[in-house]
Amino acid sequence: MNTVVDRIENSLHNRAEITMKKQSAVRISAISLSALVMAILIALPVSFAADGGQASSIPAASLMQPAELAKILQGSASEKPLIIQVGSRVLYEEAHIPGSEYIGPTSSPEGREKLRQRLQAVSRGKVVVLYCGCCPWSHCPNVKPAWDLIQSLAFSKAKVLYIANNFGSDWVDKGYPVAKGQ
């Protein structure tokens, strides 16, 4: 009888060791995965900046200051620019430039395709102003891809609204015209 009990105890002991080893392997895998994700997140901004994907690589001559656009909107110019918001829907619904059109984040292929489709019927000589305002200029993931696309389509009067901090502080808080909702 002892040998049967001994065998059962040994079997249970071995199973417990195997279970502990599997749990330990899972913990190590989870820690490794977390470390990998953190490494990617830390490296992303550096890689993004290194390949010219930042808004700061847009030429200064192609930027429009908020005060300049506000003046144009308040003026009586017969032809207003086409203003396109290339950021998030939530940001647009919360507050946007009156008359601007929502396209969506151009950091995604879908957003860039929507922008491409919207611009197909637009004269290449029309003034088009792109803006986002989701975050500080140097971190915006949307204006540079939108700018690259509009340049590839040969728009000669395209501009990007320079929003240094965010749309709230650089447009809304300055008292420039605002629309809400869709």
Foldseek 3Di string as FASTA:
>chain_A
DVVVVVVVVVVVVVVVVVVVVVVVVVVVVVVVVVVVVVVCVVCVLVVCVVVVQALVSPDPVQADEQVRLLCQVPDDDPDRAAEEEQDDPVVVQAKDAPNYHYQYALLDVSSLVSLVVVCPPPDLAGEYEYEYFPAARRPRNGPSSNVVSNVVVNRPRYHYYHDGGGCCVRAVVVPRDIDHGD
